[in-house]
């Protein structure tokens, strides 16, 4: 992704995309093309903004898509269960989920 692919309102506030996070990984990992399409749809829906940061009044670029309710807790790949999230928020959320899973 390049800066040209960002919506105009994000260009205006100066957000920039790093190298495409999925570059060189196509067809690997989370399900290949169907997941990439769903991921791109979620990021566009969320305006390429991290939803947890947005809820706290910060503006940060979403680089990942996260399951709000993790799959191991009964979540699904439904659009309502997915959110754009920055890598820092995703790391914190994932660590909390791992801790919860360990207590089960």
PDB file of N, CA and C in Angstrom:
ATOM      1  N   UNK A   1       0.834  -1.173   0.000  1.00  0.00           N
ATOM      2  CA  UNK A   1       0.000   0.000   0.000  1.00  0.00           C
ATOM      3  C   UNK A   1       0.878   1.235   0.000  1.00  0.00           C
ATOM      4  N   UNK A   2       0.411   2.253  -0.606  1.00  0.00           N
ATOM      5  CA  UNK A   2       1.119   3.516  -0.611  1.00  0.00           C
ATOM      6  C   UNK A   2       0.204   4.589  -0.059  1.00  0.00           C
ATOM      7  N   UNK A   3       0.757   5.754   0.136  1.00  0.00           N
ATOM      8  CA  UNK A   3      -0.026   6.866   0.650  1.00  0.00           C
ATOM      9  C   UNK A   3      -1.183   7.192  -0.279  1.00  0.00           C
ATOM     10  N   UNK A   4      -1.027   6.935  -1.577  1.00  0.00           N
ATOM     11  CA  UNK A   4      -2.091   7.215  -2.531  1.00  0.00           C
ATOM     12  C   UNK A   4      -3.346   6.404  -2.264  1.00  0.00           C
ATOM     13  N   UNK A   5      -3.231   5.242  -1.614  1.00  0.00           N
ATOM     14  CA  UNK A   5      -4.394   4.396  -1.389  1.00  0.00           C
ATOM     15  C   UNK A   5      -5.182   4.799  -0.142  1.00  0.00           C
ATOM     16  N   UNK A   6      -4.651   5.729   0.643  1.00  0.00           N
ATOM     17  CA  UNK A   6      -5.374   6.182   1.826  1.00  0.00           C
ATOM     18  C   UNK A   6      -6.517   7.112   1.438  1.00  0.00           C
ATOM     19  N   UNK A   7      -7.597   7.075   2.172  1.00  0.00           N
ATOM     20  CA  UNK A   7      -8.674   8.026   1.925  1.00  0.00           C
ATOM     21  C   UNK A   7      -8.152   9.456   2.114  1.00  0.00           C
ATOM     22  N   UNK A   8      -8.717  10.434   1.406  1.00  0.00           N
ATOM     23  CA  UNK A   8      -8.235  11.817   1.482  1.00  0.00           C
ATOM     24  C   UNK A   8      -8.169  12.372   2.901  1.00  0.00           C
ATOM     25  N   UNK A   9      -9.133  12.000   3.769  1.00  0.00           N
ATOM     26  CA  UNK A   9      -9.117  12.568   5.123  1.00  0.00           C
ATOM     27  C   UNK A   9      -7.910  12.090   5.909  1.00  0.00           C
ATOM     28  N   UNK A  10      -7.393  10.888   5.593  1.00  0.00           N
ATOM     29  CA  UNK A  10      -6.209  10.401   6.294  1.00  0.00           C
ATOM     30  C   UNK A  10      -4.948  11.026   5.718  1.00  0.00           C
ATOM     31  N   UNK A  11      -4.931  11.264   4.416  1.00  0.00           N
ATOM     32  CA  UNK A  11      -3.795  11.970   3.816  1.00  0.00           C
ATOM     33  C   UNK A  11      -3.680  13.347   4.444  1.00  0.00           C
ATOM     34  N   UNK A  12      -4.820  13.990   4.669  1.00  0.00           N
ATOM     35  CA  UNK A  12      -4.844  15.356   5.181  1.00  0.00           C
ATOM     36  C   UNK A  12      -4.243  15.460   6.581  1.00  0.00           C
ATOM     37  N   UNK A  13      -4.401  14.418   7.408  1.00  0.00           N
ATOM     38  CA  UNK A  13      -3.833  14.485   8.755  1.00  0.00           C
ATOM     39  C   UNK A  13      -2.422  13.915   8.799  1.00  0.00           C
ATOM     40  N   UNK A  14      -1.908  13.493   7.655  1.00  0.00           N
ATOM     41  CA  UNK A  14      -0.508  13.097   7.565  1.00  0.00           C
ATOM     42  C   UNK A  14      -0.201  11.658   7.915  1.00  0.00           C
ATOM     43  N   UNK A  15      -1.196  10.788   7.967  1.00  0.00           N
ATOM     44  CA  UNK A  15      -0.905   9.376   8.235  1.00  0.00           C
ATOM     45  C   UNK A  15      -0.227   8.755   7.026  1.00  0.00           C
ATOM     46  N   UNK A  16       0.718   7.890   7.294  1.00  0.00           N
ATOM     47  CA  UNK A  16       1.425   7.212   6.211  1.00  0.00           C
ATOM     48  C   UNK A  16       1.410   5.717   6.485  1.00  0.00           C
ATOM     49  N   UNK A  17       1.395   4.940   5.428  1.00  0.00           N
ATOM     50  CA  UNK A  17       1.455   3.490   5.549  1.00  0.00           C
ATOM     51  C   UNK A  17       2.901   3.043   5.400  1.00  0.00           C
ATOM     52  N   UNK A  18       3.316   2.125   6.244  1.00  0.00           N
ATOM     53  CA  UNK A  18       4.622   1.505   6.060  1.00  0.00           C
ATOM     54  C   UNK A  18       4.484   0.509   4.922  1.00  0.00           C
ATOM     55  N   UNK A  19       5.531  -0.277   4.682  1.00  0.00           N
ATOM     56  CA  UNK A  19       5.441  -1.310   3.653  1.00  0.00           C
ATOM     57  C   UNK A  19       4.241  -2.189   3.946  1.00  0.00           C
ATOM     58  N   UNK A  20       3.601  -2.672   2.912  1.00  0.00           N
ATOM     59  CA  UNK A  20       2.393  -3.486   3.074  1.00  0.00           C
ATOM     60  C   UNK A  20       2.679  -4.651   4.011  1.00  0.00           C
ATOM     61  N   UNK A  21       1.895  -4.795   5.108  1.00  0.00           N
ATOM     62  CA  UNK A  21       2.158  -5.848   6.075  1.00  0.00           C
ATOM     63  C   UNK A  21       2.039  -7.253   5.502  1.00  0.00           C
ATOM     64  N   UNK A  22       1.259  -7.421   4.450  1.00  0.00           N
ATOM     65  CA  UNK A  22       1.072  -8.755   3.885  1.00  0.00           C
ATOM     66  C   UNK A  22       2.022  -9.029   2.719  1.00  0.00           C
ATOM     67  N   UNK A  23       2.873  -8.048   2.375  1.00  0.00           N
ATOM     68  CA  UNK A  23       3.753  -8.190   1.228  1.00  0.00           C
ATOM     69  C   UNK A  23       4.610  -9.442   1.371  1.00  0.00           C
ATOM     70  N   UNK A  24       4.655 -10.253   0.323  1.00  0.00           N
ATOM     71  CA  UNK A  24       5.453 -11.463   0.337  1.00  0.00           C
ATOM     72  C   UNK A  24       4.821 -12.628   1.078  1.00  0.00           C
ATOM     73  N   UNK A  25       3.607 -12.453   1.584  1.00  0.00           N
ATOM     74  CA  UNK A  25       2.963 -13.504   2.364  1.00  0.00           C
ATOM     75  C   UNK A  25       1.681 -13.995   1.722  1.00  0.00           C
ATOM     76  N   UNK A  26       1.394 -13.570   0.523  1.00  0.00           N
ATOM     77  CA  UNK A  26       0.129 -13.930  -0.102  1.00  0.00           C
ATOM     78  C   UNK A  26      -0.061 -15.432  -0.159  1.00  0.00           C
ATOM     79  N   UNK A  27      -1.257 -15.861   0.228  1.00  0.00           N
ATOM     80  CA  UNK A  27      -1.600 -17.274   0.188  1.00  0.00           C
ATOM     81  C   UNK A  27      -1.139 -18.042   1.405  1.00  0.00           C
ATOM     82  N   UNK A  28      -0.496 -17.362   2.342  1.00  0.00           N
ATOM     83  CA  UNK A  28       0.020 -18.033   3.534  1.00  0.00           C
ATOM     84  C   UNK A  28      -0.696 -17.505   4.763  1.00  0.00           C
ATOM     85  N   UNK A  29      -0.724 -18.284   5.797  1.00  0.00           N
ATOM     86  CA  UNK A  29      -1.263 -17.801   7.059  1.00  0.00           C
ATOM     87  C   UNK A  29      -2.761 -17.920   7.184  1.00  0.00           C
ATOM     88  N   UNK A  30      -3.432 -16.833   7.347  1.00  0.00           N
ATOM     89  CA  UNK A  30      -4.807 -16.752   7.800  1.00  0.00           C
ATOM     90  C   UNK A  30      -5.865 -17.143   6.773  1.00  0.00           C
ATOM     91  N   UNK A  31      -5.513 -17.803   5.692  1.00  0.00           N
ATOM     92  CA  UNK A  31      -6.553 -18.281   4.798  1.00  0.00           C
ATOM     93  C   UNK A  31      -6.448 -17.789   3.375  1.00  0.00           C
ATOM     94  N   UNK A  32      -5.354 -17.141   3.032  1.00  0.00           N
ATOM     95  CA  UNK A  32      -5.138 -16.750   1.645  1.00  0.00           C
ATOM     96  C   UNK A  32      -6.043 -15.632   1.172  1.00  0.00           C
ATOM     97  N   UNK A  33      -6.430 -15.715  -0.080  1.00  0.00           N
ATOM     98  CA  UNK A  33      -7.186 -14.636  -0.726  1.00  0.00           C
ATOM     99  C   UNK A  33      -8.504 -14.290  -0.031  1.00  0.00           C
ATOM    100  N   UNK A  34      -9.314 -15.260   0.393  1.00  0.00           N
ATOM    101  CA  UNK A  34     -10.562 -14.878   1.082  1.00  0.00           C
ATOM    102  C   UNK A  34     -10.305 -14.028   2.318  1.00  0.00           C
ATOM    103  N   UNK A  35      -9.290 -14.372   3.108  1.00  0.00           N
ATOM    104  CA  UNK A  35      -8.984 -13.578   4.299  1.00  0.00           C
ATOM    105  C   UNK A  35      -8.482 -12.188   3.900  1.00  0.00           C
ATOM    106  N   UNK A  36      -7.622 -12.099   2.895  1.00  0.00           N
ATOM    107  CA  UNK A  36      -7.119 -10.789   2.457  1.00  0.00           C
ATOM    108  C   UNK A  36      -8.259  -9.882   2.024  1.00  0.00           C
ATOM    109  N   UNK A  37      -9.230 -10.450   1.316  1.00  0.00           N
ATOM    110  CA  UNK A  37     -10.386  -9.650   0.878  1.00  0.00           C
ATOM    111  C   UNK A  37     -11.199  -9.166   2.075  1.00  0.00           C
ATOM    112  N   UNK A  38     -11.442 -10.047   3.023  1.00  0.00           N
ATOM    113  CA  UNK A  38     -12.183  -9.680   4.229  1.00  0.00           C
ATOM    114  C   UNK A  38     -11.403  -8.641   5.027  1.00  0.00           C
ATOM    115  N   UNK A  39     -10.122  -8.848   5.169  1.00  0.00           N
ATOM    116  CA  UNK A  39      -9.240  -7.924   5.883  1.00  0.00           C
ATOM    117  C   UNK A  39      -9.300  -6.533   5.255  1.00  0.00           C
ATOM    118  N   UNK A  40      -9.186  -6.460   3.954  1.00  0.00           N
ATOM    119  CA  UNK A  40      -9.231  -5.172   3.260  1.00  0.00           C
ATOM    120  C   UNK A  40     -10.591  -4.500   3.429  1.00  0.00           C
ATOM    121  N   UNK A  41     -11.658  -5.286   3.414  1.00  0.00           N
ATOM    122  CA  UNK A  41     -13.004  -4.731   3.611  1.00  0.00           C
ATOM    123  C   UNK A  41     -13.140  -4.137   5.008  1.00  0.00           C
ATOM    124  N   UNK A  42     -12.623  -4.839   6.017  1.00  0.00           N
ATOM    125  CA  UNK A  42     -12.690  -4.357   7.398  1.00  0.00           C
ATOM    126  C   UNK A  42     -11.877  -3.073   7.551  1.00  0.00           C
ATOM    127  N   UNK A  43     -10.677  -3.039   6.996  1.00  0.00           N
ATOM    128  CA  UNK A  43      -9.840  -1.844   7.104  1.00  0.00           C
ATOM    129  C   UNK A  43     -10.506  -0.646   6.435  1.00  0.00           C
ATOM    130  N   UNK A  44     -11.112  -0.865   5.269  1.00  0.00           N
ATOM    131  CA  UNK A  44     -11.824   0.233   4.598  1.00  0.00           C
ATOM    132  C   UNK A  44     -13.022   0.686   5.432  1.00  0.00           C
ATOM    133  N   UNK A  45     -13.788  -0.269   5.969  1.00  0.00           N
ATOM    134  CA  UNK A  45     -14.952   0.068   6.793  1.00  0.00           C
ATOM    135  C   UNK A  45     -14.541   0.922   7.993  1.00  0.00           C
ATOM    136  N   UNK A  46     -13.403   0.581   8.602  1.00  0.00           N
ATOM    137  CA  UNK A  46     -12.934   1.282   9.789  1.00  0.00           C
ATOM    138  C   UNK A  46     -12.116   2.526   9.451  1.00  0.00           C
ATOM    139  N   UNK A  47     -12.054   2.885   8.179  1.00  0.00           N
ATOM    140  CA  UNK A  47     -11.336   4.086   7.767  1.00  0.00           C
ATOM    141  C   UNK A  47      -9.833   3.992   7.961  1.00  0.00           C
ATOM    142  N   UNK A  48      -9.294   2.777   7.976  1.00  0.00           N
ATOM    143  CA  UNK A  48      -7.866   2.528   8.172  1.00  0.00           C
ATOM    144  C   UNK A  48      -7.378   3.060   9.518  1.00  0.00           C
ATOM    145  N   UNK A  49      -8.277   3.165  10.500  1.00  0.00           N
ATOM    146  CA  UNK A  49      -7.921   3.657  11.822  1.00  0.00           C
ATOM    147  C   UNK A  49      -8.048   2.549  12.858  1.00  0.00           C
ATOM    148  N   UNK A  50      -7.142   2.567  13.834  1.00  0.00           N
ATOM    149  CA  UNK A  50      -7.186   1.617  14.953  1.00  0.00           C
ATOM    150  C   UNK A  50      -8.406   1.943  15.798  1.00  0.00           C
ATOM    151  N   UNK A  51      -9.300   0.999  15.943  1.00  0.00           N
ATOM    152  CA  UNK A  51     -10.543   1.223  16.669  1.00  0.00           C
ATOM    153  C   UNK A  51     -10.335   1.381  18.181  1.00  0.00           C
ATOM    154  N   UNK A  52      -9.465   0.582  18.850  1.00  0.00           N
ATOM    155  CA  UNK A  52      -9.229   0.829  20.278  1.00  0.00           C
ATOM    156  C   UNK A  52      -8.609   2.209  20.528  1.00  0.00           C
ATOM    157  N   UNK A  53      -7.677   2.646  19.685  1.00  0.00           N
ATOM    158  CA  UNK A  53      -7.087   3.981  19.827  1.00  0.00           C
ATOM    159  C   UNK A  53      -8.158   5.044  19.610  1.00  0.00           C
ATOM    160  N   UNK A  54      -8.988   4.849  18.590  1.00  0.00           N
ATOM    161  CA  UNK A  54     -10.046   5.809  18.273  1.00  0.00           C
ATOM    162  C   UNK A  54     -11.001   5.964  19.460  1.00  0.00           C
ATOM    163  N   UNK A  55     -11.310   4.855  20.123  1.00  0.00           N
ATOM    164  CA  UNK A  55     -12.207   4.889  21.277  1.00  0.00           C
ATOM    165  C   UNK A  55     -11.615   5.702  22.429  1.00  0.00           C
ATOM    166  N   UNK A  56     -10.275   5.817  22.465  1.00  0.00           N
ATOM    167  CA  UNK A  56      -9.602   6.586  23.510  1.00  0.00           C
ATOM    168  C   UNK A  56      -9.207   7.980  23.030  1.00  0.00           C
ATOM    169  N   UNK A  57      -9.699   8.371  21.843  1.00  0.00           N
ATOM    170  CA  UNK A  57      -9.455   9.716  21.346  1.00  0.00           C
ATOM    171  C   UNK A  57      -8.140   9.903  20.611  1.00  0.00           C
ATOM    172  N   UNK A  58      -7.455   8.805  20.287  1.00  0.00           N
ATOM    173  CA  UNK A  58      -6.196   8.901  19.542  1.00  0.00           C
ATOM    174  C   UNK A  58      -6.450   8.539  18.086  1.00  0.00           C
ATOM    175  N   UNK A  59      -5.590   9.032  17.200  1.00  0.00           N
ATOM    176  CA  UNK A  59      -5.675   8.693  15.777  1.00  0.00           C
ATOM    177  C   UNK A  59      -4.423   7.916  15.407  1.00  0.00           C
ATOM    178  N   UNK A  60      -4.600   6.634  15.108  1.00  0.00           N
ATOM    179  CA  UNK A  60      -3.472   5.788  14.753  1.00  0.00           C
ATOM    180  C   UNK A  60      -3.880   4.875  13.611  1.00  0.00           C
ATOM    181  N   UNK A  61      -2.980   4.619  12.716  1.00  0.00           N
ATOM    182  CA  UNK A  61      -3.229   3.791  11.551  1.00  0.00           C
ATOM    183  C   UNK A  61      -3.405   2.328  11.948  1.00  0.00           C
ATOM    184  N   UNK A  62      -4.456   1.697  11.453  1.00  0.00           N
ATOM    185  CA  UNK A  62      -4.676   0.261  11.680  1.00  0.00           C
ATOM    186  C   UNK A  62      -3.843  -0.514  10.670  1.00  0.00           C
ATOM    187  N   UNK A  63      -3.017  -1.405  11.154  1.00  0.00           N
ATOM    188  CA  UNK A  63      -2.173  -2.222  10.280  1.00  0.00           C
ATOM    189  C   UNK A  63      -2.593  -3.685  10.288  1.00  0.00           C
ATOM    190  N   UNK A  64      -3.504  -4.032  11.196  1.00  0.00           N
ATOM    191  CA  UNK A  64      -3.934  -5.418  11.339  1.00  0.00           C
ATOM    192  C   UNK A  64      -5.444  -5.460  11.516  1.00  0.00           C
ATOM    193  N   UNK A  65      -5.996  -6.652  11.361  1.00  0.00           N
ATOM    194  CA  UNK A  65      -7.420  -6.879  11.633  1.00  0.00           C
ATOM    195  C   UNK A  65      -7.488  -7.904  12.750  1.00  0.00           C
ATOM    196  N   UNK A  66      -8.312  -7.605  13.743  1.00  0.00           N
ATOM    197  CA  UNK A  66      -8.378  -8.399  14.963  1.00  0.00           C
ATOM    198  C   UNK A  66      -9.786  -8.920  15.190  1.00  0.00           C
ATOM    199  N   UNK A  67      -9.871 -10.117  15.755  1.00  0.00           N
ATOM    200  CA  UNK A  67     -11.157 -10.667  16.187  1.00  0.00           C
ATOM    201  C   UNK A  67     -11.486 -10.047  17.542  1.00  0.00           C
ATOM    202  N   UNK A  68     -12.595  -9.348  17.647  1.00  0.00           N
ATOM    203  CA  UNK A  68     -12.995  -8.731  18.905  1.00  0.00           C
ATOM    204  C   UNK A  68     -13.178  -9.822  19.963  1.00  0.00           C
ATOM    205  N   UNK A  69     -13.971 -10.823  19.646  1.00  0.00           N
ATOM    206  CA  UNK A  69     -14.086 -12.023  20.484  1.00  0.00           C
ATOM    207  C   UNK A  69     -13.209 -13.078  19.819  1.00  0.00           C
ATOM    208  N   UNK A  70     -12.144 -13.528  20.488  1.00  0.00           N
ATOM    209  CA  UNK A  70     -11.215 -14.480  19.877  1.00  0.00           C
ATOM    210  C   UNK A  70     -11.912 -15.774  19.450  1.00  0.00           C
ATOM    211  N   UNK A  71     -11.346 -16.394  18.449  1.00  0.00           N
ATOM    212  CA  UNK A  71     -11.909 -17.644  17.937  1.00  0.00           C
ATOM    213  C   UNK A  71     -11.980 -18.706  19.047  1.00  0.00           C
ATOM    214  N   UNK A  72     -10.975 -18.761  19.924  1.00  0.00           N
ATOM    215  CA  UNK A  72     -10.973 -19.795  20.970  1.00  0.00           C
ATOM    216  C   UNK A  72     -12.028 -19.535  22.046  1.00  0.00           C
ATOM    217  N   UNK A  73     -12.614 -18.325  22.044  1.00  0.00           N
ATOM    218  CA  UNK A  73     -13.694 -18.015  22.979  1.00  0.00           C
ATOM    219  C   UNK A  73     -15.050 -17.991  22.286  1.00  0.00           C
ATOM    220  N   UNK A  74     -15.108 -18.544  21.073  1.00  0.00           N
ATOM    221  CA  UNK A  74     -16.377 -18.642  20.363  1.00  0.00           C
ATOM    222  C   UNK A  74     -16.619 -17.559  19.322  1.00  0.00           C
ATOM    223  N   UNK A  75     -15.616 -16.726  19.055  1.00  0.00           N
ATOM    224  CA  UNK A  75     -15.749 -15.687  18.034  1.00  0.00           C
ATOM    225  C   UNK A  75     -15.757 -16.282  16.634  1.00  0.00           C
ATOM    226  N   UNK A  76     -16.063 -15.429  15.660  1.00  0.00           N
ATOM    227  CA  UNK A  76     -16.119 -15.887  14.276  1.00  0.00           C
ATOM    228  C   UNK A  76     -15.457 -14.860  13.372  1.00  0.00           C
ATOM    229  N   UNK A  77     -15.425 -15.163  12.082  1.00  0.00           N
ATOM    230  CA  UNK A  77     -14.888 -14.247  11.075  1.00  0.00           C
ATOM    231  C   UNK A  77     -15.963 -13.295  10.560  1.00  0.00           C
ATOM    232  N   UNK A  78     -17.073 -13.173  11.258  1.00  0.00           N
ATOM    233  CA  UNK A  78     -18.139 -12.260  10.843  1.00  0.00           C
ATOM    234  C   UNK A  78     -17.638 -10.820  10.939  1.00  0.00           C
ATOM    235  N   UNK A  79     -18.104  -9.975  10.023  1.00  0.00           N
ATOM    236  CA  UNK A  79     -17.676  -8.576   9.981  1.00  0.00           C
ATOM    237  C   UNK A  79     -17.865  -7.875  11.328  1.00  0.00           C
ATOM    238  N   UNK A  80     -18.957  -8.170  12.021  1.00  0.00           N
ATOM    239  CA  UNK A  80     -19.223  -7.499  13.298  1.00  0.00           C
ATOM    240  C   UNK A  80     -18.241  -7.912  14.387  1.00  0.00           C
ATOM    241  N   UNK A  81     -17.486  -8.987  14.172  1.00  0.00           N
ATOM    242  CA  UNK A  81     -16.505  -9.456  15.143  1.00  0.00           C
ATOM    243  C   UNK A  81     -15.076  -9.082  14.743  1.00  0.00           C
ATOM    244  N   UNK A  82     -14.906  -8.272  13.714  1.00  0.00           N
ATOM    245  CA  UNK A  82     -13.577  -7.883  13.261  1.00  0.00           C
ATOM    246  C   UNK A  82     -13.410  -6.382  13.374  1.00  0.00           C
ATOM    247  N   UNK A  83     -12.168  -5.960  13.674  1.00  0.00           N
ATOM    248  CA  UNK A  83     -11.880  -4.533  13.781  1.00  0.00           C
ATOM    249  C   UNK A  83     -10.465  -4.256  13.298  1.00  0.00           C
ATOM    250  N   UNK A  84     -10.284  -3.061  12.750  1.00  0.00           N
ATOM    251  CA  UNK A  84      -8.949  -2.593  12.408  1.00  0.00           C
ATOM    252  C   UNK A  84      -8.238  -2.233  13.701  1.00  0.00           C
ATOM    253  N   UNK A  85      -6.948  -2.571  13.787  1.00  0.00           N
ATOM    254  CA  UNK A  85      -6.200  -2.353  15.026  1.00  0.00           C
ATOM    255  C   UNK A  85      -4.738  -2.107  14.688  1.00  0.00           C
ATOM    256  N   UNK A  86      -4.063  -1.271  15.469  1.00  0.00           N
ATOM    257  CA  UNK A  86      -2.633  -1.030  15.251  1.00  0.00           C
ATOM    258  C   UNK A  86      -1.838  -2.177  15.888  1.00  0.00           C
ATOM    259  N   UNK A  87      -0.592  -2.305  15.503  1.00  0.00           N
ATOM    260  CA  UNK A  87       0.201  -3.439  15.993  1.00  0.00           C
ATOM    261  C   UNK A  87       0.426  -3.372  17.503  1.00  0.00           C
ATOM    262  N   UNK A  88       0.559  -2.163  18.063  1.00  0.00           N
ATOM    263  CA  UNK A  88       0.769  -2.044  19.510  1.00  0.00           C
ATOM    264  C   UNK A  88      -0.460  -2.510  20.293  1.00  0.00           C
ATOM    265  N   UNK A  89      -1.641  -2.045  19.886  1.00  0.00           N
ATOM    266  CA  UNK A  89      -2.880  -2.479  20.548  1.00  0.00           C
ATOM    267  C   UNK A  89      -3.100  -3.979  20.365  1.00  0.00           C
ATOM    268  N   UNK A  90      -2.789  -4.486  19.180  1.00  0.00           N
ATOM    269  CA  UNK A  90      -2.975  -5.910  18.905  1.00  0.00           C
ATOM    270  C   UNK A  90      -2.081  -6.748  19.808  1.00  0.00           C
ATOM    271  N   UNK A  91      -0.845  -6.302  20.003  1.00  0.00           N
ATOM    272  CA  UNK A  91       0.079  -7.040  20.870  1.00  0.00           C
ATOM    273  C   UNK A  91      -0.449  -7.092  22.305  1.00  0.00           C
ATOM    274  N   UNK A  92      -0.894  -5.961  22.840  1.00  0.00           N
ATOM    275  CA  UNK A  92      -1.428  -5.906  24.205  1.00  0.00           C
ATOM    276  C   UNK A  92      -2.667  -6.787  24.329  1.00  0.00           C
ATOM    277  N   UNK A  93      -3.583  -6.694  23.357  1.00  0.00           N
ATOM    278  CA  UNK A  93      -4.830  -7.473  23.388  1.00  0.00           C
ATOM    279  C   UNK A  93      -4.525  -8.967  23.306  1.00  0.00           C
ATOM    280  N   UNK A  94      -3.597  -9.346  22.436  1.00  0.00           N
ATOM    281  CA  UNK A  94      -3.244 -10.759  22.274  1.00  0.00           C
ATOM    282  C   UNK A  94      -2.627 -11.316  23.553  1.00  0.00           C
ATOM    283  N   UNK A  95      -1.755 -10.546  24.211  1.00  0.00           N
ATOM    284  CA  UNK A  95      -1.152 -10.999  25.465  1.00  0.00           C
ATOM    285  C   UNK A  95      -2.214 -11.206  26.548  1.00  0.00           C
ATOM    286  N   UNK A  96      -3.201 -10.312  26.586  1.00  0.00           N
ATOM    287  CA  UNK A  96      -4.283 -10.468  27.567  1.00  0.00           C
ATOM    288  C   UNK A  96      -5.100 -11.732  27.263  1.00  0.00           C
ATOM    289  N   UNK A  97      -5.343 -11.995  25.996  1.00  0.00           N
ATOM    290  CA  UNK A  97      -6.103 -13.195  25.597  1.00  0.00           C
ATOM    291  C   UNK A  97      -5.337 -14.458  25.941  1.00  0.00           C
ATOM    292  N   UNK A  98      -4.029 -14.451  25.736  1.00  0.00           N
ATOM    293  CA  UNK A  98      -3.197 -15.618  26.079  1.00  0.00           C
ATOM    294  C   UNK A  98      -3.237 -15.864  27.583  1.00  0.00           C
ATOM    295  N   UNK A  99      -3.187 -14.794  28.363  1.00  0.00           N
ATOM    296  CA  UNK A  99      -3.264 -14.932  29.825  1.00  0.00           C
ATOM    297  C   UNK A  99      -4.607 -15.523  30.241  1.00  0.00           C
ATOM    298  N   UNK A 100      -5.698 -15.039  29.616  1.00  0.00           N
ATOM    299  CA  UNK A 100      -7.035 -15.587  29.930  1.00  0.00           C
ATOM    300  C   UNK A 100      -7.110 -17.058  29.559  1.00  0.00           C
ATOM    301  N   UNK A 101      -6.546 -17.423  28.424  1.00  0.00           N
ATOM    302  CA  UNK A 101      -6.594 -18.814  27.990  1.00  0.00           C
ATOM    303  C   UNK A 101      -5.804 -19.716  28.939  1.00  0.00           C
ATOM    304  N   UNK A 102      -4.716 -19.172  29.466  1.00  0.00           N
ATOM    305  CA  UNK A 102      -3.901 -19.950  30.410  1.00  0.00           C
ATOM    306  C   UNK A 102      -4.596 -20.218  31.731  1.00  0.00           C
ATOM    307  N   UNK A 103      -5.532 -19.367  32.093  1.00  0.00           N
ATOM    308  CA  UNK A 103      -6.279 -19.539  33.354  1.00  0.00           C
ATOM    309  C   UNK A 103      -7.452 -20.490  33.210  1.00  0.00           C
ATOM    310  N   UNK A 104      -7.754 -20.904  31.999  1.00  0.00           N
ATOM    311  CA  UNK A 104      -8.899 -21.802  31.779  1.00  0.00           C
ATOM    312  C   UNK A 104      -8.624 -23.174  32.312  1.00  0.00           C
TER     313      UNK A 104
END
